[in-house]
Amino acid sequence: MHGPRLERWQYRHNYLPRTQRQSEQRARIVLALTLVMMVIELVTGYATGSLALTADGWHMGSHAAALGITAFAYAFSRHHVDNVRFTFGTGKVGPLAGYTSALFLSGVALFMVGQSIERLVHPVVVEFDQAIWVAVSGLVVNLVCAVILGHHDEDDAGASEHPHRHDHNLYAAYLHVLADALTSVLAIMALTSGKYLGWGWMDPLMGIVGAIVIGQWSIGLLRGSGHVLLDAEDNRTLVTQISTLIESEHDNRIADLHVWRLGPTSHACIVSLVTHDPRPADHYKGLLEGVAGLEHVTVEVNVCCDEAATRA
């Protein structure tokens, strides 16, 4: 009979990365900065009657909503990390939030195209001095936010060439900040040329350029997060590593292998192998101990029988 304690053979599906708490704090700081800037612009815009300030304030508000999704996703995944309803933990809450934010970002790009086309057809008088001040202040805030979100630990950097490559939630927030910074840069270029060269058409034209770039970013994020949600990632490197380690011993052959992502840096796999010299499953799990990020391994061992003996 088995003893009452089974912890040795049980998995805790807690695949939150060590640095997620830090990412959550960064997201909250950026959200707070964005909200403060939004309030300042809205209050000043209404007080001075400046439509430029008011419009940019609501624009900051739209990005604050997206950043709110990021902060909520981190809090939700942390709060429900041990909830048994989530079969493999809450590691995919981040990609789901990233996918949602990417849809939001796509909407922003389409809105920018519509507004730019309308401005090209129906030009308006622009208060260049005031608008430039708004664009510069927005750029400063967004650069500060980008530095906060872009900062990462050395351990994270070693995991991949990009700090946000696997944390789609943080990457979504990073793209929203970059999108805001990009629109500010393009606005400064357009407004400066409009003020000193009289090129009023540059303002809506730069809006279209910015929308195209933001649209490309959102499509990339949709693809990346969507592949994680559908378990359709390219795991060939990890699959090759697992296959090599298993099949390098004796006459082991892998008959079936499935690898999928559980969290930003965590994977699970199911291995079905065939061998003439079967050993306990723990032996084969031990062969995979050096594989980084492989948290949950299930091994099925099948005894290989010669076809001739089987027919006899």
C-alpha atoms as a PDB file:
ATOM      1  CA  MET A   1       0.000   0.000   0.000  1.00  0.00           C
ATOM      2  CA  HIS A   2       1.126   3.562  -0.715  1.00  0.00           C
ATOM      3  CA  GLY A   3       1.746   5.932   2.167  1.00  0.00           C
ATOM      4  CA  PRO A   4      -0.626   8.868   2.765  1.00  0.00           C
ATOM      5  CA  ARG A   5       1.829  11.472   1.426  1.00  0.00           C
ATOM      6  CA  LEU A   6       2.087  11.722  -2.373  1.00  0.00           C
ATOM      7  CA  GLU A   7       3.878  15.084  -2.677  1.00  0.00           C
ATOM      8  CA  ARG A   8       6.941  13.444  -4.194  1.00  0.00           C
ATOM      9  CA  TRP A   9       4.970  12.458  -7.299  1.00  0.00           C
ATOM     10  CA  GLN A  10       2.740  15.535  -7.530  1.00  0.00           C
ATOM     11  CA  TYR A  11       3.299  18.673  -9.612  1.00  0.00           C
ATOM     12  CA  ARG A  12       2.459  22.189  -8.520  1.00  0.00           C
ATOM     13  CA  HIS A  13       1.314  23.988 -11.631  1.00  0.00           C
ATOM     14  CA  ASN A  14       2.756  27.266 -10.441  1.00  0.00           C
ATOM     15  CA  TYR A  15       4.651  28.495 -13.480  1.00  0.00           C
ATOM     16  CA  LEU A  16       4.807  32.202 -12.681  1.00  0.00           C
ATOM     17  CA  PRO A  17       8.351  33.382 -13.442  1.00  0.00           C
ATOM     18  CA  ARG A  18      10.448  34.708 -10.587  1.00  0.00           C
ATOM     19  CA  THR A  19      10.431  38.201 -12.080  1.00  0.00           C
ATOM     20  CA  GLN A  20       6.677  38.469 -12.688  1.00  0.00           C
ATOM     21  CA  ARG A  21       6.178  40.439  -9.472  1.00  0.00           C
ATOM     22  CA  GLN A  22       8.734  42.976 -10.739  1.00  0.00           C
ATOM     23  CA  SER A  23       6.988  43.165 -14.110  1.00  0.00           C
ATOM     24  CA  GLU A  24       3.674  43.723 -12.351  1.00  0.00           C
ATOM     25  CA  GLN A  25       5.156  46.580 -10.324  1.00  0.00           C
ATOM     26  CA  ARG A  26       6.592  48.191 -13.468  1.00  0.00           C
ATOM     27  CA  ALA A  27       3.232  47.939 -15.204  1.00  0.00           C
ATOM     28  CA  ARG A  28       1.527  49.640 -12.248  1.00  0.00           C
ATOM     29  CA  ILE A  29       4.088  52.462 -12.191  1.00  0.00           C
ATOM     30  CA  VAL A  30       3.642  53.061 -15.925  1.00  0.00           C
ATOM     31  CA  LEU A  31      -0.143  52.966 -15.531  1.00  0.00           C
ATOM     32  CA  ALA A  32       0.058  55.538 -12.731  1.00  0.00           C
ATOM     33  CA  LEU A  33       2.296  57.867 -14.787  1.00  0.00           C
ATOM     34  CA  THR A  34      -0.047  57.579 -17.768  1.00  0.00           C
ATOM     35  CA  LEU A  35      -3.111  58.331 -15.647  1.00  0.00           C
ATOM     36  CA  VAL A  36      -1.437  61.365 -14.036  1.00  0.00           C
ATOM     37  CA  MET A  37      -0.438  62.729 -17.465  1.00  0.00           C
ATOM     38  CA  MET A  38      -3.956  62.095 -18.749  1.00  0.00           C
ATOM     39  CA  VAL A  39      -5.538  64.032 -15.874  1.00  0.00           C
ATOM     40  CA  ILE A  40      -3.096  66.944 -16.265  1.00  0.00           C
ATOM     41  CA  GLU A  41      -3.781  67.215 -19.992  1.00  0.00           C
ATOM     42  CA  LEU A  42      -7.565  66.949 -19.602  1.00  0.00           C
ATOM     43  CA  VAL A  43      -7.762  69.490 -16.778  1.00  0.00           C
ATOM     44  CA  THR A  44      -5.421  71.923 -18.546  1.00  0.00           C
ATOM     45  CA  GLY A  45      -7.217  71.392 -21.851  1.00  0.00           C
ATOM     46  CA  TYR A  46     -10.645  72.157 -20.428  1.00  0.00           C
ATOM     47  CA  ALA A  47      -9.283  75.124 -18.443  1.00  0.00           C
ATOM     48  CA  THR A  48      -7.571  76.706 -21.440  1.00  0.00           C
ATOM     49  CA  GLY A  49     -10.040  75.589 -24.084  1.00  0.00           C
ATOM     50  CA  SER A  50      -7.278  73.727 -25.934  1.00  0.00           C
ATOM     51  CA  LEU A  51      -8.640  70.947 -28.120  1.00  0.00           C
ATOM     52  CA  ALA A  52      -5.106  69.671 -28.733  1.00  0.00           C
ATOM     53  CA  LEU A  53      -4.514  69.107 -25.037  1.00  0.00           C
ATOM     54  CA  THR A  54      -7.959  67.579 -24.537  1.00  0.00           C
ATOM     55  CA  ALA A  55      -7.585  65.205 -27.492  1.00  0.00           C
ATOM     56  CA  ASP A  56      -4.140  64.048 -26.370  1.00  0.00           C
ATOM     57  CA  GLY A  57      -5.495  63.537 -22.861  1.00  0.00           C
ATOM     58  CA  TRP A  58      -8.149  61.133 -24.113  1.00  0.00           C
ATOM     59  CA  HIS A  59      -5.520  59.469 -26.278  1.00  0.00           C
ATOM     60  CA  MET A  60      -3.454  58.856 -23.147  1.00  0.00           C
ATOM     61  CA  GLY A  61      -6.635  57.517 -21.544  1.00  0.00           C
ATOM     62  CA  SER A  62      -7.002  54.873 -24.253  1.00  0.00           C
ATOM     63  CA  HIS A  63      -3.483  53.624 -23.572  1.00  0.00           C
ATOM     64  CA  ALA A  64      -4.168  53.720 -19.818  1.00  0.00           C
ATOM     65  CA  ALA A  65      -7.046  51.307 -20.450  1.00  0.00           C
ATOM     66  CA  ALA A  66      -4.697  48.933 -22.283  1.00  0.00           C
ATOM     67  CA  LEU A  67      -2.107  49.216 -19.511  1.00  0.00           C
ATOM     68  CA  GLY A  68      -4.908  48.462 -17.054  1.00  0.00           C
ATOM     69  CA  ILE A  69      -5.427  45.153 -18.868  1.00  0.00           C
ATOM     70  CA  THR A  70      -1.731  44.391 -18.360  1.00  0.00           C
ATOM     71  CA  ALA A  71      -1.815  45.139 -14.628  1.00  0.00           C
ATOM     72  CA  PHE A  72      -5.068  43.199 -14.166  1.00  0.00           C
ATOM     73  CA  ALA A  73      -3.665  40.140 -15.954  1.00  0.00           C
ATOM     74  CA  TYR A  74      -0.636  40.025 -13.658  1.00  0.00           C
ATOM     75  CA  ALA A  75      -2.810  40.351 -10.545  1.00  0.00           C
ATOM     76  CA  PHE A  76      -5.296  37.746 -11.788  1.00  0.00           C
ATOM     77  CA  SER A  77      -2.629  35.162 -12.649  1.00  0.00           C
ATOM     78  CA  ARG A  78      -0.929  35.685  -9.283  1.00  0.00           C
ATOM     79  CA  HIS A  79      -4.194  35.444  -7.332  1.00  0.00           C
ATOM     80  CA  HIS A  80      -5.339  32.245  -9.095  1.00  0.00           C
ATOM     81  CA  VAL A  81      -1.963  30.552  -9.421  1.00  0.00           C
ATOM     82  CA  ASP A  82      -3.068  27.626  -7.207  1.00  0.00           C
ATOM     83  CA  ASN A  83      -6.647  27.455  -8.498  1.00  0.00           C
ATOM     84  CA  VAL A  84      -7.289  23.843  -9.536  1.00  0.00           C
ATOM     85  CA  ARG A  85      -9.703  24.974 -12.271  1.00  0.00           C
ATOM     86  CA  PHE A  86      -6.656  26.034 -14.296  1.00  0.00           C
ATOM     87  CA  THR A  87      -5.313  22.641 -15.369  1.00  0.00           C
ATOM     88  CA  PHE A  88      -1.747  23.826 -15.957  1.00  0.00           C
ATOM     89  CA  GLY A  89      -1.788  27.031 -13.916  1.00  0.00           C
ATOM     90  CA  THR A  90      -2.348  30.615 -15.054  1.00  0.00           C
ATOM     91  CA  GLY A  91       0.676  30.914 -17.329  1.00  0.00           C
ATOM     92  CA  LYS A  92      -1.471  31.712 -20.379  1.00  0.00           C
ATOM     93  CA  VAL A  93      -3.295  34.645 -18.796  1.00  0.00           C
ATOM     94  CA  GLY A  94      -0.429  36.861 -19.972  1.00  0.00           C
ATOM     95  CA  PRO A  95      -0.669  35.821 -23.647  1.00  0.00           C
ATOM     96  CA  LEU A  96      -4.459  36.247 -23.480  1.00  0.00           C
ATOM     97  CA  ALA A  97      -4.007  39.787 -22.142  1.00  0.00           C
ATOM     98  CA  GLY A  98      -1.374  40.432 -24.815  1.00  0.00           C
ATOM     99  CA  TYR A  99      -3.748  39.250 -27.532  1.00  0.00           C
ATOM    100  CA  THR A 100      -6.502  41.511 -26.175  1.00  0.00           C
ATOM    101  CA  SER A 101      -4.153  44.483 -26.045  1.00  0.00           C
ATOM    102  CA  ALA A 102      -3.010  43.761 -29.598  1.00  0.00           C
ATOM    103  CA  LEU A 103      -6.631  43.973 -30.764  1.00  0.00           C
ATOM    104  CA  PHE A 104      -6.915  47.272 -28.883  1.00  0.00           C
ATOM    105  CA  LEU A 105      -3.709  48.502 -30.540  1.00  0.00           C
ATOM    106  CA  SER A 106      -5.085  47.545 -33.958  1.00  0.00           C
ATOM    107  CA  GLY A 107      -8.164  49.630 -33.216  1.00  0.00           C
ATOM    108  CA  VAL A 108      -5.961  52.599 -32.339  1.00  0.00           C
ATOM    109  CA  ALA A 109      -4.143  52.233 -35.677  1.00  0.00           C
ATOM    110  CA  LEU A 110      -7.424  52.147 -37.623  1.00  0.00           C
ATOM    111  CA  PHE A 111      -8.702  55.174 -35.700  1.00  0.00           C
ATOM    112  CA  MET A 112      -5.495  57.073 -36.531  1.00  0.00           C
ATOM    113  CA  VAL A 113      -5.938  56.288 -40.242  1.00  0.00           C
ATOM    114  CA  GLY A 114      -9.534  57.518 -40.180  1.00  0.00           C
ATOM    115  CA  GLN A 115      -8.642  60.725 -38.366  1.00  0.00           C
ATOM    116  CA  SER A 116      -5.705  61.395 -40.694  1.00  0.00           C
ATOM    117  CA  ILE A 117      -7.771  60.907 -43.846  1.00  0.00           C
ATOM    118  CA  GLU A 118     -10.435  63.226 -42.474  1.00  0.00           C
ATOM    119  CA  ARG A 119      -7.789  65.881 -41.752  1.00  0.00           C
ATOM    120  CA  LEU A 120      -6.408  65.549 -45.286  1.00  0.00           C
ATOM    121  CA  VAL A 121      -9.880  66.065 -46.765  1.00  0.00           C
ATOM    122  CA  HIS A 122     -10.928  68.746 -44.291  1.00  0.00           C
ATOM    123  CA  PRO A 123      -7.846  70.621 -43.007  1.00  0.00           C
ATOM    124  CA  VAL A 124      -8.140  72.481 -39.722  1.00  0.00           C
ATOM    125  CA  VAL A 125      -6.206  75.343 -38.153  1.00  0.00           C
ATOM    126  CA  VAL A 126      -3.558  73.985 -35.786  1.00  0.00           C
ATOM    127  CA  GLU A 127      -2.174  75.878 -32.786  1.00  0.00           C
ATOM    128  CA  PHE A 128       1.390  74.782 -33.481  1.00  0.00           C
ATOM    129  CA  ASP A 129       3.101  76.149 -30.353  1.00  0.00           C
ATOM    130  CA  GLN A 130       0.614  74.566 -27.976  1.00  0.00           C
ATOM    131  CA  ALA A 131       0.448  71.303 -29.910  1.00  0.00           C
ATOM    132  CA  ILE A 132       4.260  70.987 -29.988  1.00  0.00           C
ATOM    133  CA  TRP A 133       4.379  71.455 -26.223  1.00  0.00           C
ATOM    134  CA  VAL A 134       1.819  68.678 -25.790  1.00  0.00           C
ATOM    135  CA  ALA A 135       3.751  66.337 -28.098  1.00  0.00           C
ATOM    136  CA  VAL A 136       7.063  66.982 -26.327  1.00  0.00           C
ATOM    137  CA  SER A 137       5.604  66.456 -22.847  1.00  0.00           C
ATOM    138  CA  GLY A 138       3.899  63.262 -23.996  1.00  0.00           C
ATOM    139  CA  LEU A 139       7.153  62.020 -25.523  1.00  0.00           C
ATOM    140  CA  VAL A 140       9.068  62.595 -22.272  1.00  0.00           C
ATOM    141  CA  VAL A 141       6.476  60.656 -20.256  1.00  0.00           C
ATOM    142  CA  ASN A 142       6.454  57.788 -22.725  1.00  0.00           C
ATOM    143  CA  LEU A 143      10.243  57.557 -22.859  1.00  0.00           C
ATOM    144  CA  VAL A 144      10.317  57.296 -19.067  1.00  0.00           C
ATOM    145  CA  CYS A 145       7.654  54.562 -19.224  1.00  0.00           C
ATOM    146  CA  ALA A 146       9.582  52.728 -21.947  1.00  0.00           C
ATOM    147  CA  VAL A 147      12.722  52.726 -19.793  1.00  0.00           C
ATOM    148  CA  ILE A 148      10.726  51.319 -16.854  1.00  0.00           C
ATOM    149  CA  LEU A 149       9.135  48.553 -18.913  1.00  0.00           C
ATOM    150  CA  GLY A 150      12.321  47.834 -20.855  1.00  0.00           C
ATOM    151  CA  HIS A 151      14.443  47.289 -17.737  1.00  0.00           C
ATOM    152  CA  HIS A 152      15.047  43.594 -17.008  1.00  0.00           C
ATOM    153  CA  ASP A 153      17.222  41.410 -14.877  1.00  0.00           C
ATOM    154  CA  GLU A 154      20.335  39.647 -16.145  1.00  0.00           C
ATOM    155  CA  ASP A 155      18.610  36.288 -15.651  1.00  0.00           C
ATOM    156  CA  ASP A 156      15.836  37.346 -17.987  1.00  0.00           C
ATOM    157  CA  ALA A 157      18.291  38.620 -20.569  1.00  0.00           C
ATOM    158  CA  GLY A 158      20.048  35.302 -20.601  1.00  0.00           C
ATOM    159  CA  ALA A 159      16.817  33.502 -21.397  1.00  0.00           C
ATOM    160  CA  SER A 160      16.449  35.176 -24.784  1.00  0.00           C
ATOM    161  CA  GLU A 161      17.753  38.007 -26.888  1.00  0.00           C
ATOM    162  CA  HIS A 162      14.691  40.125 -26.140  1.00  0.00           C
ATOM    163  CA  PRO A 163      13.461  40.781 -22.575  1.00  0.00           C
ATOM    164  CA  HIS A 164       9.808  40.648 -23.676  1.00  0.00           C
ATOM    165  CA  ARG A 165      10.047  37.767 -26.115  1.00  0.00           C
ATOM    166  CA  HIS A 166       7.974  35.355 -24.021  1.00  0.00           C
ATOM    167  CA  ASP A 167       6.087  37.707 -21.680  1.00  0.00           C
ATOM    168  CA  HIS A 168       3.411  38.807 -24.134  1.00  0.00           C
ATOM    169  CA  ASN A 169       1.588  40.753 -21.427  1.00  0.00           C
ATOM    170  CA  LEU A 170       4.594  42.970 -20.703  1.00  0.00           C
ATOM    171  CA  TYR A 171       5.405  43.162 -24.407  1.00  0.00           C
ATOM    172  CA  ALA A 172       1.885  44.457 -25.105  1.00  0.00           C
ATOM    173  CA  ALA A 173       2.338  47.242 -22.544  1.00  0.00           C
ATOM    174  CA  TYR A 174       5.756  48.010 -24.026  1.00  0.00           C
ATOM    175  CA  LEU A 175       4.269  48.308 -27.520  1.00  0.00           C
ATOM    176  CA  HIS A 176       1.521  50.641 -26.303  1.00  0.00           C
ATOM    177  CA  VAL A 177       4.144  52.929 -24.785  1.00  0.00           C
ATOM    178  CA  LEU A 178       6.303  52.750 -27.914  1.00  0.00           C
ATOM    179  CA  ALA A 179       3.246  53.495 -30.054  1.00  0.00           C
ATOM    180  CA  ASP A 180       2.527  56.579 -27.973  1.00  0.00           C
ATOM    181  CA  ALA A 181       6.174  57.671 -28.186  1.00  0.00           C
ATOM    182  CA  LEU A 182       6.190  57.106 -31.949  1.00  0.00           C
ATOM    183  CA  THR A 183       3.075  59.234 -32.454  1.00  0.00           C
ATOM    184  CA  SER A 184       4.681  61.972 -30.342  1.00  0.00           C
ATOM    185  CA  VAL A 185       7.889  61.914 -32.424  1.00  0.00           C
ATOM    186  CA  LEU A 186       5.963  61.986 -35.695  1.00  0.00           C
ATOM    187  CA  ALA A 187       3.731  64.751 -34.351  1.00  0.00           C
ATOM    188  CA  ILE A 188       6.748  66.875 -33.386  1.00  0.00           C
ATOM    189  CA  MET A 189       8.205  66.419 -36.880  1.00  0.00           C
ATOM    190  CA  ALA A 190       4.911  67.272 -38.561  1.00  0.00           C
ATOM    191  CA  LEU A 191       4.076  70.235 -36.323  1.00  0.00           C
ATOM    192  CA  THR A 192       7.585  71.688 -36.632  1.00  0.00           C
ATOM    193  CA  SER A 193       7.458  71.490 -40.421  1.00  0.00           C
ATOM    194  CA  GLY A 194       3.959  72.967 -40.362  1.00  0.00           C
ATOM    195  CA  LYS A 195       5.030  75.876 -38.186  1.00  0.00           C
ATOM    196  CA  TYR A 196       8.256  76.792 -39.970  1.00  0.00           C
ATOM    197  CA  LEU A 197       7.630  75.541 -43.530  1.00  0.00           C
ATOM    198  CA  GLY A 198       3.868  75.831 -43.785  1.00  0.00           C
ATOM    199  CA  TRP A 199       3.460  72.132 -44.555  1.00  0.00           C
ATOM    200  CA  GLY A 200       0.119  71.593 -42.841  1.00  0.00           C
ATOM    201  CA  TRP A 201      -0.403  68.324 -44.735  1.00  0.00           C
ATOM    202  CA  MET A 202       2.506  66.742 -42.834  1.00  0.00           C
ATOM    203  CA  ASP A 203       0.371  66.359 -39.699  1.00  0.00           C
ATOM    204  CA  PRO A 204      -2.195  63.909 -41.173  1.00  0.00           C
ATOM    205  CA  LEU A 205       0.464  62.246 -43.340  1.00  0.00           C
ATOM    206  CA  MET A 206       2.583  61.396 -40.300  1.00  0.00           C
ATOM    207  CA  GLY A 207      -0.583  60.073 -38.657  1.00  0.00           C
ATOM    208  CA  ILE A 208      -0.940  57.530 -41.473  1.00  0.00           C
ATOM    209  CA  VAL A 209       2.742  56.570 -41.257  1.00  0.00           C
ATOM    210  CA  GLY A 210       2.430  56.043 -37.520  1.00  0.00           C
ATOM    211  CA  ALA A 211      -0.726  53.965 -37.976  1.00  0.00           C
ATOM    212  CA  ILE A 212       1.056  51.653 -40.439  1.00  0.00           C
ATOM    213  CA  VAL A 213       3.948  51.056 -38.038  1.00  0.00           C
ATOM    214  CA  ILE A 214       1.610  50.492 -35.076  1.00  0.00           C
ATOM    215  CA  GLY A 215      -0.493  48.142 -37.192  1.00  0.00           C
ATOM    216  CA  GLN A 216       2.584  46.040 -37.985  1.00  0.00           C
ATOM    217  CA  TRP A 217       3.485  45.858 -34.289  1.00  0.00           C
ATOM    218  CA  SER A 218      -0.032  44.762 -33.368  1.00  0.00           C
ATOM    219  CA  ILE A 219      -0.054  42.045 -36.058  1.00  0.00           C
ATOM    220  CA  GLY A 220       3.245  40.675 -34.738  1.00  0.00           C
ATOM    221  CA  LEU A 221       1.874  40.595 -31.191  1.00  0.00           C
ATOM    222  CA  LEU A 222      -1.361  38.942 -32.369  1.00  0.00           C
ATOM    223  CA  ARG A 223       0.642  36.202 -34.079  1.00  0.00           C
ATOM    224  CA  GLY A 224       2.999  35.603 -31.165  1.00  0.00           C
ATOM    225  CA  SER A 225       0.354  35.523 -28.434  1.00  0.00           C
ATOM    226  CA  GLY A 226      -2.090  33.639 -30.650  1.00  0.00           C
ATOM    227  CA  HIS A 227       0.439  30.871 -31.278  1.00  0.00           C
ATOM    228  CA  VAL A 228       0.922  30.461 -27.524  1.00  0.00           C
ATOM    229  CA  LEU A 229      -2.826  30.312 -26.881  1.00  0.00           C
ATOM    230  CA  LEU A 230      -3.252  27.667 -29.612  1.00  0.00           C
ATOM    231  CA  ASP A 231      -0.098  25.717 -28.639  1.00  0.00           C
ATOM    232  CA  ALA A 232       1.194  26.340 -32.141  1.00  0.00           C
ATOM    233  CA  GLU A 233       4.673  27.642 -31.302  1.00  0.00           C
ATOM    234  CA  ASP A 234       7.835  26.563 -33.050  1.00  0.00           C
ATOM    235  CA  ASN A 235       9.426  24.327 -30.405  1.00  0.00           C
ATOM    236  CA  ARG A 236      11.804  22.521 -32.760  1.00  0.00           C
ATOM    237  CA  THR A 237      14.913  23.451 -30.753  1.00  0.00           C
ATOM    238  CA  LEU A 238      13.420  22.109 -27.528  1.00  0.00           C
ATOM    239  CA  VAL A 239      12.040  19.008 -29.263  1.00  0.00           C
ATOM    240  CA  THR A 240      15.465  18.276 -30.779  1.00  0.00           C
ATOM    241  CA  GLN A 241      17.144  18.686 -27.392  1.00  0.00           C
ATOM    242  CA  ILE A 242      14.702  16.308 -25.698  1.00  0.00           C
ATOM    243  CA  SER A 243      14.928  13.734 -28.501  1.00  0.00           C
ATOM    244  CA  THR A 244      18.732  13.787 -28.476  1.00  0.00           C
ATOM    245  CA  LEU A 245      18.956  13.265 -24.720  1.00  0.00           C
ATOM    246  CA  ILE A 246      16.475  10.380 -24.709  1.00  0.00           C
ATOM    247  CA  GLU A 247      17.681   8.575 -27.836  1.00  0.00           C
ATOM    248  CA  SER A 248      21.386   8.927 -27.037  1.00  0.00           C
ATOM    249  CA  GLU A 249      21.027   6.196 -24.390  1.00  0.00           C
ATOM    250  CA  HIS A 250      20.899   2.516 -25.413  1.00  0.00           C
ATOM    251  CA  ASP A 251      18.349   1.851 -28.149  1.00  0.00           C
ATOM    252  CA  ASN A 252      15.681   4.287 -26.913  1.00  0.00           C
ATOM    253  CA  ARG A 253      13.418   5.587 -29.658  1.00  0.00           C
ATOM    254  CA  ILE A 254      10.785   8.282 -29.223  1.00  0.00           C
ATOM    255  CA  ALA A 255       7.447   7.225 -30.662  1.00  0.00           C
ATOM    256  CA  ASP A 256       5.473  10.312 -29.680  1.00  0.00           C
ATOM    257  CA  LEU A 257       6.480  13.683 -28.247  1.00  0.00           C
ATOM    258  CA  HIS A 258       4.374  16.750 -27.393  1.00  0.00           C
ATOM    259  CA  VAL A 259       5.818  20.028 -26.063  1.00  0.00           C
ATOM    260  CA  TRP A 260       3.817  23.113 -25.140  1.00  0.00           C
ATOM    261  CA  ARG A 261       4.255  26.329 -23.179  1.00  0.00           C
ATOM    262  CA  LEU A 262       2.905  26.721 -19.641  1.00  0.00           C
ATOM    263  CA  GLY A 263       4.257  30.192 -18.894  1.00  0.00           C
ATOM    264  CA  PRO A 264       6.748  32.769 -20.186  1.00  0.00           C
ATOM    265  CA  THR A 265       9.730  30.490 -19.470  1.00  0.00           C
ATOM    266  CA  SER A 266       8.087  27.150 -18.604  1.00  0.00           C
ATOM    267  CA  HIS A 267       7.234  24.167 -20.796  1.00  0.00           C
ATOM    268  CA  ALA A 268       5.616  20.765 -20.349  1.00  0.00           C
ATOM    269  CA  CYS A 269       6.131  17.648 -22.412  1.00  0.00           C
ATOM    270  CA  ILE A 270       4.703  14.167 -22.862  1.00  0.00           C
ATOM    271  CA  VAL A 271       7.203  11.565 -24.074  1.00  0.00           C
ATOM    272  CA  SER A 272       6.272   8.126 -25.332  1.00  0.00           C
ATOM    273  CA  LEU A 273       9.356   6.006 -25.940  1.00  0.00           C
ATOM    274  CA  VAL A 274      10.129   2.465 -27.064  1.00  0.00           C
ATOM    275  CA  THR A 275      13.105   0.450 -25.810  1.00  0.00           C
ATOM    276  CA  HIS A 276      14.381  -3.111 -25.410  1.00  0.00           C
ATOM    277  CA  ASP A 277      15.753  -2.240 -21.976  1.00  0.00           C
ATOM    278  CA  PRO A 278      12.910  -0.479 -20.089  1.00  0.00           C
ATOM    279  CA  ARG A 279      13.705   1.431 -16.935  1.00  0.00           C
ATOM    280  CA  PRO A 280      11.529   3.383 -14.476  1.00  0.00           C
ATOM    281  CA  ALA A 281      10.039   6.642 -15.731  1.00  0.00           C
ATOM    282  CA  ASP A 282      12.145   8.619 -13.238  1.00  0.00           C
ATOM    283  CA  HIS A 283      15.275   7.433 -15.040  1.00  0.00           C
ATOM    284  CA  TYR A 284      14.181   9.077 -18.296  1.00  0.00           C
ATOM    285  CA  LYS A 285      13.038  12.203 -16.467  1.00  0.00           C
ATOM    286  CA  GLY A 286      16.530  12.370 -15.017  1.00  0.00           C
ATOM    287  CA  LEU A 287      17.964  12.485 -18.534  1.00  0.00           C
ATOM    288  CA  LEU A 288      15.992  15.709 -19.101  1.00  0.00           C
ATOM    289  CA  GLU A 289      16.927  17.469 -15.858  1.00  0.00           C
ATOM    290  CA  GLY A 290      19.347  19.782 -17.650  1.00  0.00           C
ATOM    291  CA  VAL A 291      16.727  21.121 -20.075  1.00  0.00           C
ATOM    292  CA  ALA A 292      16.012  24.722 -19.038  1.00  0.00           C
ATOM    293  CA  GLY A 293      12.370  25.602 -18.485  1.00  0.00           C
ATOM    294  CA  LEU A 294      11.046  22.039 -18.675  1.00  0.00           C
ATOM    295  CA  GLU A 295       8.817  21.936 -15.590  1.00  0.00           C
ATOM    296  CA  HIS A 296       6.297  19.132 -16.132  1.00  0.00           C
ATOM    297  CA  VAL A 297       7.409  15.894 -17.776  1.00  0.00           C
ATOM    298  CA  THR A 298       5.250  12.818 -18.339  1.00  0.00           C
ATOM    299  CA  VAL A 299       6.980   9.673 -19.614  1.00  0.00           C
ATOM    300  CA  GLU A 300       5.391   6.570 -21.114  1.00  0.00           C
ATOM    301  CA  VAL A 301       7.744   3.578 -21.484  1.00  0.00           C
ATOM    302  CA  ASN A 302       6.900   0.862 -24.017  1.00  0.00           C
ATOM    303  CA  VAL A 303       8.779  -2.430 -24.340  1.00  0.00           C
ATOM    304  CA  CYS A 304       9.985  -3.125 -27.871  1.00  0.00           C
ATOM    305  CA  CYS A 305       9.181  -6.654 -29.082  1.00  0.00           C
ATOM    306  CA  ASP A 306      10.771  -8.125 -32.226  1.00  0.00           C
ATOM    307  CA  GLU A 307       8.305  -8.501 -35.052  1.00  0.00           C
ATOM    308  CA  ALA A 308       9.392 -12.085 -35.621  1.00  0.00           C
ATOM    309  CA  ALA A 309       8.806 -13.006 -31.993  1.00  0.00           C
ATOM    310  CA  THR A 310       5.465 -11.246 -32.059  1.00  0.00           C
ATOM    311  CA  ARG A 311       4.330 -13.186 -35.147  1.00  0.00           C
ATOM    312  CA  ALA A 312       5.414 -16.464 -33.566  1.00  0.00           C
END
